[in-house]
Amino acid sequence: MSDENGTPEPTAGPRPEPLRFFGTTWVDHTDGYTARRIGVAAGALAAAAVSCLVLRFAYEGLQIAAVGGFVTVLMVVMFAICSALAFSNTWGGFSKRHDPARQASLRGLLMIGFIGSLLAYFLRALVEAPGEKLHREEYETAREQFEKRSKRRSGNPAKKRRRS
């Protein structure tokens, strides 16, 4: 069906939630879905590489400032732990929704470990659009619930037997 302008009318039922960089192309893998996945993977890897270069400059700045071995080790350990936590948090977010309160409390930690998040995006984009599995499960569940609710009853309701 279409309206007077020729644009298709929306179908009844739940609509898929758009993903960042993919829109709703993840539903049926159309409109350059594969190219977008390749682009997201390449972009995330390039951003992680540039980020590592920036961290290297920061490390060299600490060496030039001669702040001492303890501070240097502390910085390296901090970035390593924060990156591991950010990777784990981002990777887990691809399969279940995050608690907004917990995300707000982790914001600083995740910002420090941004390289871990970028690497999680890179690895997930090699398999699917980041978050596609979660969104697909939610969308299919919503479609099933909609189908159950919209099923028409067969038979004449006036002839329905009443329980006494």
N, C-alpha and C. Protein backbone atom coordinates (compact mmCIF):
# COMPACT_ATOMS: atom_id res chain seq x y z
N MET A 1 0.83 -1.18 0.00
CA MET A 1 0.00 0.00 0.00
C MET A 1 0.87 1.24 0.00
N SER A 2 0.33 2.32 -0.57
CA SER A 2 1.05 3.59 -0.53
C SER A 2 0.04 4.72 -0.48
N ASP A 3 0.50 5.87 0.00
CA ASP A 3 -0.40 7.01 0.09
C ASP A 3 -0.41 7.75 -1.23
N GLU A 4 -1.05 8.93 -1.27
CA GLU A 4 -1.19 9.67 -2.53
C GLU A 4 0.15 10.16 -3.07
N ASN A 5 1.17 10.26 -2.26
CA ASN A 5 2.49 10.70 -2.72
C ASN A 5 3.35 9.55 -3.23
N GLY A 6 2.87 8.32 -3.08
CA GLY A 6 3.63 7.18 -3.55
C GLY A 6 4.55 6.59 -2.50
N THR A 7 4.58 7.19 -1.32
CA THR A 7 5.42 6.62 -0.27
C THR A 7 4.69 5.48 0.40
N PRO A 8 5.39 4.41 0.69
CA PRO A 8 4.72 3.27 1.30
C PRO A 8 4.23 3.59 2.71
N GLU A 9 3.03 3.11 3.02
CA GLU A 9 2.49 3.31 4.36
C GLU A 9 3.19 2.35 5.31
N PRO A 10 3.39 2.78 6.54
CA PRO A 10 4.05 1.88 7.49
C PRO A 10 3.18 0.67 7.79
N THR A 11 3.83 -0.47 7.97
CA THR A 11 3.09 -1.68 8.30
C THR A 11 2.78 -1.68 9.78
N ALA A 12 1.76 -2.43 10.14
CA ALA A 12 1.38 -2.51 11.54
C ALA A 12 2.41 -3.34 12.30
N GLY A 13 2.51 -3.06 13.56
CA GLY A 13 3.41 -3.85 14.39
C GLY A 13 4.61 -3.07 14.84
N PRO A 14 5.46 -3.73 15.59
CA PRO A 14 6.65 -3.06 16.12
C PRO A 14 7.65 -2.74 15.02
N ARG A 15 8.39 -1.69 15.23
CA ARG A 15 9.41 -1.27 14.27
C ARG A 15 10.79 -1.60 14.85
N PRO A 16 11.74 -1.97 14.00
CA PRO A 16 13.08 -2.26 14.50
C PRO A 16 13.77 -0.98 14.98
N GLU A 17 14.53 -1.12 16.03
CA GLU A 17 15.27 0.01 16.57
C GLU A 17 16.53 0.21 15.74
N PRO A 18 16.80 1.44 15.30
CA PRO A 18 18.00 1.65 14.48
C PRO A 18 19.28 1.53 15.29
N LEU A 19 20.31 1.01 14.65
CA LEU A 19 21.64 0.89 15.26
C LEU A 19 22.52 2.02 14.74
N ARG A 20 23.47 2.46 15.55
CA ARG A 20 24.40 3.49 15.13
C ARG A 20 25.19 2.99 13.91
N PHE A 21 25.29 3.81 12.90
CA PHE A 21 25.98 3.56 11.64
C PHE A 21 25.21 2.62 10.70
N PHE A 22 24.18 1.93 11.18
CA PHE A 22 23.50 0.94 10.36
C PHE A 22 22.03 1.26 10.13
N GLY A 23 21.44 2.11 10.93
CA GLY A 23 20.01 2.37 10.81
C GLY A 23 19.25 1.07 11.06
N THR A 24 18.31 0.77 10.17
CA THR A 24 17.57 -0.49 10.29
C THR A 24 18.00 -1.50 9.22
N THR A 25 19.15 -1.29 8.60
CA THR A 25 19.62 -2.24 7.58
C THR A 25 20.00 -3.58 8.18
N TRP A 26 20.18 -3.64 9.49
CA TRP A 26 20.55 -4.89 10.15
C TRP A 26 19.43 -5.92 10.10
N VAL A 27 18.20 -5.49 9.87
CA VAL A 27 17.07 -6.41 9.87
C VAL A 27 17.19 -7.40 8.70
N ASP A 28 17.42 -6.88 7.50
CA ASP A 28 17.49 -7.75 6.33
C ASP A 28 18.82 -7.66 5.58
N HIS A 29 19.82 -6.99 6.18
CA HIS A 29 21.18 -6.90 5.61
C HIS A 29 21.17 -6.32 4.20
N THR A 30 20.48 -5.21 4.02
CA THR A 30 20.42 -4.54 2.72
C THR A 30 21.08 -3.17 2.79
N ASP A 31 21.10 -2.48 1.68
CA ASP A 31 21.58 -1.09 1.58
C ASP A 31 23.00 -0.92 2.12
N GLY A 32 23.91 -1.75 1.68
CA GLY A 32 25.31 -1.60 2.04
C GLY A 32 25.65 -2.07 3.44
N TYR A 33 24.91 -3.01 3.96
CA TYR A 33 25.15 -3.51 5.32
C TYR A 33 26.57 -4.04 5.46
N THR A 34 27.02 -4.84 4.51
CA THR A 34 28.37 -5.43 4.59
C THR A 34 29.43 -4.34 4.51
N ALA A 35 29.24 -3.38 3.62
CA ALA A 35 30.20 -2.28 3.51
C ALA A 35 30.24 -1.46 4.80
N ARG A 36 29.10 -1.27 5.42
CA ARG A 36 29.06 -0.54 6.68
C ARG A 36 29.79 -1.30 7.78
N ARG A 37 29.61 -2.61 7.81
CA ARG A 37 30.32 -3.42 8.81
C ARG A 37 31.83 -3.31 8.61
N ILE A 38 32.26 -3.39 7.36
CA ILE A 38 33.69 -3.27 7.06
C ILE A 38 34.18 -1.88 7.47
N GLY A 39 33.38 -0.85 7.18
CA GLY A 39 33.74 0.52 7.55
C GLY A 39 33.83 0.71 9.05
N VAL A 40 32.88 0.16 9.79
CA VAL A 40 32.90 0.27 11.26
C VAL A 40 34.12 -0.46 11.82
N ALA A 41 34.39 -1.64 11.30
CA ALA A 41 35.55 -2.40 11.79
C ALA A 41 36.85 -1.64 11.49
N ALA A 42 36.99 -1.15 10.28
CA ALA A 42 38.20 -0.41 9.91
C ALA A 42 38.32 0.88 10.71
N GLY A 43 37.21 1.59 10.87
CA GLY A 43 37.22 2.84 11.63
C GLY A 43 37.58 2.62 13.09
N ALA A 44 37.01 1.58 13.69
CA ALA A 44 37.31 1.30 15.09
C ALA A 44 38.77 0.91 15.28
N LEU A 45 39.29 0.10 14.36
CA LEU A 45 40.69 -0.30 14.45
C LEU A 45 41.62 0.89 14.23
N ALA A 46 41.29 1.75 13.27
CA ALA A 46 42.12 2.94 13.02
C ALA A 46 42.08 3.88 14.22
N ALA A 47 40.89 4.07 14.80
CA ALA A 47 40.78 4.94 15.97
C ALA A 47 41.56 4.37 17.15
N ALA A 48 41.54 3.05 17.31
CA ALA A 48 42.31 2.41 18.40
C ALA A 48 43.80 2.60 18.16
N ALA A 49 44.24 2.47 16.93
CA ALA A 49 45.66 2.64 16.62
C ALA A 49 46.11 4.08 16.88
N VAL A 50 45.31 5.05 16.46
CA VAL A 50 45.64 6.46 16.70
C VAL A 50 45.64 6.74 18.21
N SER A 51 44.70 6.15 18.92
CA SER A 51 44.62 6.33 20.37
C SER A 51 45.86 5.77 21.06
N CYS A 52 46.33 4.64 20.60
CA CYS A 52 47.55 4.06 21.17
C CYS A 52 48.75 4.97 20.90
N LEU A 53 48.77 5.60 19.74
CA LEU A 53 49.84 6.53 19.42
C LEU A 53 49.80 7.74 20.36
N VAL A 54 48.60 8.25 20.62
CA VAL A 54 48.46 9.38 21.55
C VAL A 54 48.91 8.97 22.95
N LEU A 55 48.54 7.77 23.38
CA LEU A 55 48.99 7.29 24.70
C LEU A 55 50.50 7.12 24.73
N ARG A 56 51.08 6.74 23.63
CA ARG A 56 52.55 6.62 23.56
C ARG A 56 53.20 7.99 23.77
N PHE A 57 52.61 9.04 23.16
CA PHE A 57 53.13 10.39 23.37
C PHE A 57 53.01 10.80 24.83
N ALA A 58 51.91 10.42 25.47
CA ALA A 58 51.74 10.73 26.89
C ALA A 58 52.79 10.01 27.72
N TYR A 59 53.05 8.77 27.38
CA TYR A 59 54.08 7.99 28.08
C TYR A 59 55.45 8.64 27.91
N GLU A 60 55.76 9.05 26.69
CA GLU A 60 57.05 9.72 26.44
C GLU A 60 57.12 11.04 27.20
N GLY A 61 55.99 11.72 27.33
CA GLY A 61 55.97 12.97 28.10
C GLY A 61 56.29 12.72 29.55
N LEU A 62 55.81 11.61 30.09
CA LEU A 62 56.15 11.26 31.46
C LEU A 62 57.63 10.92 31.59
N GLN A 63 58.18 10.28 30.58
CA GLN A 63 59.61 9.95 30.59
C GLN A 63 60.46 11.23 30.55
N ILE A 64 60.04 12.17 29.71
CA ILE A 64 60.77 13.43 29.60
C ILE A 64 60.68 14.22 30.90
N ALA A 65 59.51 14.18 31.53
CA ALA A 65 59.31 14.91 32.79
C ALA A 65 60.03 14.25 33.95
N ALA A 66 60.49 13.05 33.76
CA ALA A 66 61.23 12.30 34.79
C ALA A 66 60.44 12.24 36.10
N VAL A 67 59.18 11.80 35.98
CA VAL A 67 58.33 11.72 37.16
C VAL A 67 58.63 10.51 38.02
N GLY A 68 59.37 9.58 37.51
CA GLY A 68 59.74 8.41 38.30
C GLY A 68 59.04 7.16 37.79
N GLY A 69 59.62 6.05 38.17
CA GLY A 69 59.10 4.76 37.71
C GLY A 69 57.73 4.42 38.26
N PHE A 70 57.46 4.82 39.52
CA PHE A 70 56.18 4.49 40.13
C PHE A 70 55.01 5.12 39.38
N VAL A 71 55.12 6.39 39.04
CA VAL A 71 54.04 7.10 38.33
C VAL A 71 53.86 6.51 36.93
N THR A 72 54.95 6.19 36.28
CA THR A 72 54.88 5.61 34.94
C THR A 72 54.18 4.25 34.97
N VAL A 73 54.57 3.41 35.91
CA VAL A 73 53.94 2.10 36.05
C VAL A 73 52.47 2.26 36.41
N LEU A 74 52.18 3.19 37.30
CA LEU A 74 50.81 3.45 37.71
C LEU A 74 49.94 3.85 36.52
N MET A 75 50.47 4.70 35.65
CA MET A 75 49.72 5.13 34.47
C MET A 75 49.47 3.96 33.51
N VAL A 76 50.49 3.17 33.27
CA VAL A 76 50.36 2.04 32.36
C VAL A 76 49.34 1.03 32.90
N VAL A 77 49.43 0.73 34.18
CA VAL A 77 48.50 -0.22 34.80
C VAL A 77 47.08 0.33 34.77
N MET A 78 46.92 1.63 35.05
CA MET A 78 45.60 2.25 35.04
C MET A 78 44.95 2.12 33.66
N PHE A 79 45.69 2.46 32.60
CA PHE A 79 45.13 2.36 31.26
C PHE A 79 44.84 0.91 30.88
N ALA A 80 45.69 -0.01 31.31
CA ALA A 80 45.46 -1.42 30.99
C ALA A 80 44.19 -1.95 31.68
N ILE A 81 44.04 -1.65 32.96
CA ILE A 81 42.86 -2.12 33.69
C ILE A 81 41.60 -1.46 33.17
N CYS A 82 41.64 -0.15 32.96
CA CYS A 82 40.46 0.55 32.46
C CYS A 82 40.08 0.09 31.06
N SER A 83 41.07 -0.20 30.23
CA SER A 83 40.78 -0.70 28.88
C SER A 83 40.14 -2.09 28.94
N ALA A 84 40.64 -2.94 29.83
CA ALA A 84 40.06 -4.28 29.98
C ALA A 84 38.62 -4.19 30.47
N LEU A 85 38.38 -3.32 31.45
CA LEU A 85 37.01 -3.15 31.95
C LEU A 85 36.09 -2.55 30.89
N ALA A 86 36.59 -1.60 30.12
CA ALA A 86 35.79 -0.99 29.06
C ALA A 86 35.47 -2.01 27.97
N PHE A 87 36.46 -2.84 27.63
CA PHE A 87 36.21 -3.90 26.64
C PHE A 87 35.12 -4.84 27.13
N SER A 88 35.26 -5.29 28.37
CA SER A 88 34.29 -6.22 28.95
C SER A 88 32.89 -5.60 29.00
N ASN A 89 32.81 -4.35 29.41
CA ASN A 89 31.52 -3.67 29.51
C ASN A 89 30.89 -3.48 28.13
N THR A 90 31.68 -3.05 27.17
CA THR A 90 31.16 -2.84 25.81
C THR A 90 30.74 -4.16 25.19
N TRP A 91 31.56 -5.18 25.34
CA TRP A 91 31.25 -6.50 24.77
C TRP A 91 29.96 -7.06 25.38
N GLY A 92 29.80 -6.90 26.69
CA GLY A 92 28.59 -7.35 27.36
C GLY A 92 27.36 -6.58 26.91
N GLY A 93 27.54 -5.33 26.54
CA GLY A 93 26.43 -4.50 26.07
C GLY A 93 25.88 -4.93 24.73
N PHE A 94 26.61 -5.77 24.01
CA PHE A 94 26.13 -6.27 22.74
C PHE A 94 25.11 -7.39 22.92
N SER A 95 25.05 -7.98 24.11
CA SER A 95 24.13 -9.10 24.32
C SER A 95 23.05 -8.82 25.37
N LYS A 96 23.20 -7.76 26.16
CA LYS A 96 22.14 -7.39 27.10
C LYS A 96 22.20 -5.89 27.35
N ARG A 97 21.06 -5.34 27.71
CA ARG A 97 20.98 -3.90 27.98
C ARG A 97 21.71 -3.56 29.27
N HIS A 98 22.37 -2.41 29.25
CA HIS A 98 23.07 -1.94 30.44
C HIS A 98 22.10 -1.22 31.36
N ASP A 99 22.39 -1.26 32.64
CA ASP A 99 21.66 -0.48 33.63
C ASP A 99 22.15 0.97 33.53
N PRO A 100 21.25 1.93 33.26
CA PRO A 100 21.70 3.32 33.10
C PRO A 100 22.42 3.88 34.33
N ALA A 101 21.99 3.51 35.53
CA ALA A 101 22.64 4.02 36.74
C ALA A 101 24.07 3.50 36.83
N ARG A 102 24.26 2.23 36.51
CA ARG A 102 25.60 1.65 36.55
C ARG A 102 26.49 2.29 35.49
N GLN A 103 25.93 2.53 34.30
CA GLN A 103 26.70 3.16 33.24
C GLN A 103 27.14 4.56 33.64
N ALA A 104 26.26 5.28 34.33
CA ALA A 104 26.61 6.64 34.76
C ALA A 104 27.75 6.59 35.77
N SER A 105 27.74 5.60 36.65
CA SER A 105 28.80 5.51 37.64
C SER A 105 30.13 5.05 37.03
N LEU A 106 30.08 4.36 35.91
CA LEU A 106 31.31 3.87 35.25
C LEU A 106 31.83 4.82 34.17
N ARG A 107 31.15 5.93 33.95
CA ARG A 107 31.48 6.81 32.83
C ARG A 107 32.95 7.21 32.81
N GLY A 108 33.50 7.63 33.92
CA GLY A 108 34.91 8.06 33.95
C GLY A 108 35.86 6.92 33.66
N LEU A 109 35.59 5.78 34.26
CA LEU A 109 36.43 4.61 34.04
C LEU A 109 36.40 4.18 32.57
N LEU A 110 35.21 4.20 31.97
CA LEU A 110 35.08 3.80 30.57
C LEU A 110 35.73 4.82 29.64
N MET A 111 35.74 6.08 30.06
CA MET A 111 36.36 7.11 29.23
C MET A 111 37.88 6.91 29.21
N ILE A 112 38.44 6.53 30.34
CA ILE A 112 39.89 6.28 30.39
C ILE A 112 40.23 5.04 29.56
N GLY A 113 39.38 4.03 29.58
CA GLY A 113 39.64 2.79 28.86
C GLY A 113 39.01 2.74 27.49
N PHE A 114 38.93 3.87 26.81
CA PHE A 114 38.27 3.96 25.50
C PHE A 114 38.86 3.01 24.47
N ILE A 115 40.13 2.67 24.59
CA ILE A 115 40.75 1.77 23.61
C ILE A 115 40.09 0.39 23.68
N GLY A 116 39.74 -0.06 24.87
CA GLY A 116 39.04 -1.33 25.02
C GLY A 116 37.69 -1.32 24.32
N SER A 117 36.97 -0.21 24.44
CA SER A 117 35.68 -0.10 23.76
C SER A 117 35.85 -0.13 22.24
N LEU A 118 36.86 0.56 21.75
CA LEU A 118 37.11 0.56 20.31
C LEU A 118 37.47 -0.84 19.80
N LEU A 119 38.25 -1.55 20.57
CA LEU A 119 38.61 -2.92 20.16
C LEU A 119 37.40 -3.85 20.21
N ALA A 120 36.51 -3.65 21.17
CA ALA A 120 35.29 -4.45 21.22
C ALA A 120 34.42 -4.19 19.99
N TYR A 121 34.31 -2.92 19.60
CA TYR A 121 33.56 -2.59 18.38
C TYR A 121 34.20 -3.24 17.16
N PHE A 122 35.52 -3.19 17.08
CA PHE A 122 36.21 -3.79 15.95
C PHE A 122 35.92 -5.28 15.86
N LEU A 123 36.10 -5.99 16.97
CA LEU A 123 35.90 -7.44 16.96
C LEU A 123 34.45 -7.82 16.68
N ARG A 124 33.50 -7.08 17.24
CA ARG A 124 32.09 -7.41 17.01
C ARG A 124 31.69 -7.12 15.57
N ALA A 125 32.24 -6.06 14.98
CA ALA A 125 31.90 -5.72 13.59
C ALA A 125 32.42 -6.77 12.61
N LEU A 126 33.38 -7.58 13.01
CA LEU A 126 33.84 -8.66 12.14
C LEU A 126 32.78 -9.76 12.03
N VAL A 127 31.91 -9.87 13.03
CA VAL A 127 30.89 -10.92 13.07
C VAL A 127 29.53 -10.41 12.65
N GLU A 128 29.13 -9.27 13.19
CA GLU A 128 27.81 -8.68 12.93
C GLU A 128 27.88 -7.20 13.25
N ALA A 129 26.78 -6.50 12.97
CA ALA A 129 26.70 -5.11 13.39
C ALA A 129 26.70 -5.08 14.92
N PRO A 130 27.52 -4.23 15.53
CA PRO A 130 27.57 -4.20 16.99
C PRO A 130 26.18 -3.94 17.59
N GLY A 131 25.71 -4.90 18.38
CA GLY A 131 24.39 -4.80 19.00
C GLY A 131 23.28 -5.46 18.21
N GLU A 132 23.60 -6.03 17.05
CA GLU A 132 22.57 -6.62 16.20
C GLU A 132 21.87 -7.79 16.87
N LYS A 133 22.61 -8.65 17.54
CA LYS A 133 22.03 -9.83 18.17
C LYS A 133 20.98 -9.43 19.21
N LEU A 134 21.33 -8.48 20.06
CA LEU A 134 20.41 -8.00 21.09
C LEU A 134 19.17 -7.38 20.47
N HIS A 135 19.36 -6.52 19.49
CA HIS A 135 18.23 -5.85 18.86
C HIS A 135 17.36 -6.85 18.09
N ARG A 136 17.98 -7.83 17.46
CA ARG A 136 17.21 -8.84 16.73
C ARG A 136 16.34 -9.65 17.68
N GLU A 137 16.90 -10.06 18.83
CA GLU A 137 16.13 -10.82 19.81
C GLU A 137 14.95 -9.99 20.32
N GLU A 138 15.19 -8.73 20.64
CA GLU A 138 14.11 -7.87 21.13
C GLU A 138 13.05 -7.64 20.06
N TYR A 139 13.49 -7.44 18.83
CA TYR A 139 12.56 -7.19 17.73
C TYR A 139 11.70 -8.43 17.45
N GLU A 140 12.33 -9.61 17.43
CA GLU A 140 11.57 -10.83 17.17
C GLU A 140 10.59 -11.12 18.31
N THR A 141 10.99 -10.86 19.53
CA THR A 141 10.08 -11.03 20.67
C THR A 141 8.90 -10.08 20.55
N ALA A 142 9.16 -8.84 20.19
CA ALA A 142 8.08 -7.87 20.02
C ALA A 142 7.15 -8.28 18.88
N ARG A 143 7.71 -8.80 17.79
CA ARG A 143 6.88 -9.25 16.66
C ARG A 143 5.99 -10.42 17.08
N GLU A 144 6.57 -11.38 17.83
CA GLU A 144 5.78 -12.53 18.29
C GLU A 144 4.65 -12.08 19.21
N GLN A 145 4.94 -11.16 20.12
CA GLN A 145 3.90 -10.66 21.02
C GLN A 145 2.83 -9.93 20.25
N PHE A 146 3.23 -9.17 19.24
CA PHE A 146 2.26 -8.46 18.42
C PHE A 146 1.36 -9.44 17.67
N GLU A 147 1.98 -10.49 17.12
CA GLU A 147 1.20 -11.50 16.39
C GLU A 147 0.19 -12.18 17.31
N LYS A 148 0.60 -12.50 18.53
CA LYS A 148 -0.31 -13.13 19.48
C LYS A 148 -1.47 -12.21 19.82
N ARG A 149 -1.18 -10.93 20.01
CA ARG A 149 -2.23 -9.98 20.37
C ARG A 149 -3.18 -9.71 19.21
N SER A 150 -2.65 -9.76 17.99
CA SER A 150 -3.48 -9.37 16.86
C SER A 150 -4.17 -10.54 16.17
N LYS A 151 -3.97 -11.76 16.67
CA LYS A 151 -4.66 -12.90 16.08
C LYS A 151 -6.16 -12.73 16.25
N ARG A 152 -6.86 -13.05 15.21
CA ARG A 152 -8.32 -12.94 15.24
C ARG A 152 -8.91 -14.22 15.82
N ARG A 153 -9.95 -14.03 16.59
CA ARG A 153 -10.63 -15.17 17.17
C ARG A 153 -11.52 -15.79 16.12
N SER A 154 -11.54 -17.10 16.06
CA SER A 154 -12.41 -17.75 15.09
C SER A 154 -13.73 -18.10 15.77
N GLY A 155 -14.77 -18.14 15.00
CA GLY A 155 -16.08 -18.51 15.53
C GLY A 155 -16.89 -17.29 15.90
N ASN A 156 -18.13 -17.54 16.22
CA ASN A 156 -19.07 -16.49 16.57
C ASN A 156 -19.04 -16.29 18.08
N PRO A 157 -18.66 -15.09 18.55
CA PRO A 157 -18.60 -14.88 19.99
C PRO A 157 -19.97 -14.97 20.67
N ALA A 158 -21.06 -14.79 19.93
CA ALA A 158 -22.38 -14.87 20.52
C ALA A 158 -22.72 -16.31 20.92
N LYS A 159 -22.11 -17.28 20.25
CA LYS A 159 -22.37 -18.68 20.55
C LYS A 159 -21.45 -19.24 21.63
N LYS A 160 -20.66 -18.37 22.23
CA LYS A 160 -19.72 -18.80 23.23
C LYS A 160 -20.47 -19.31 24.45
N ARG A 161 -20.06 -20.47 24.95
CA ARG A 161 -20.70 -21.04 26.12
C ARG A 161 -20.27 -20.27 27.36
N ARG A 162 -21.18 -20.01 28.19
CA ARG A 162 -20.89 -19.30 29.43
C ARG A 162 -20.71 -20.31 30.55
N ARG A 163 -19.71 -20.07 31.36
CA ARG A 163 -19.48 -20.94 32.51
C ARG A 163 -20.34 -20.45 33.67
N SER A 164 -20.93 -21.40 34.36
CA SER A 164 -21.76 -20.98 35.49
C SER A 164 -21.20 -21.39 36.81
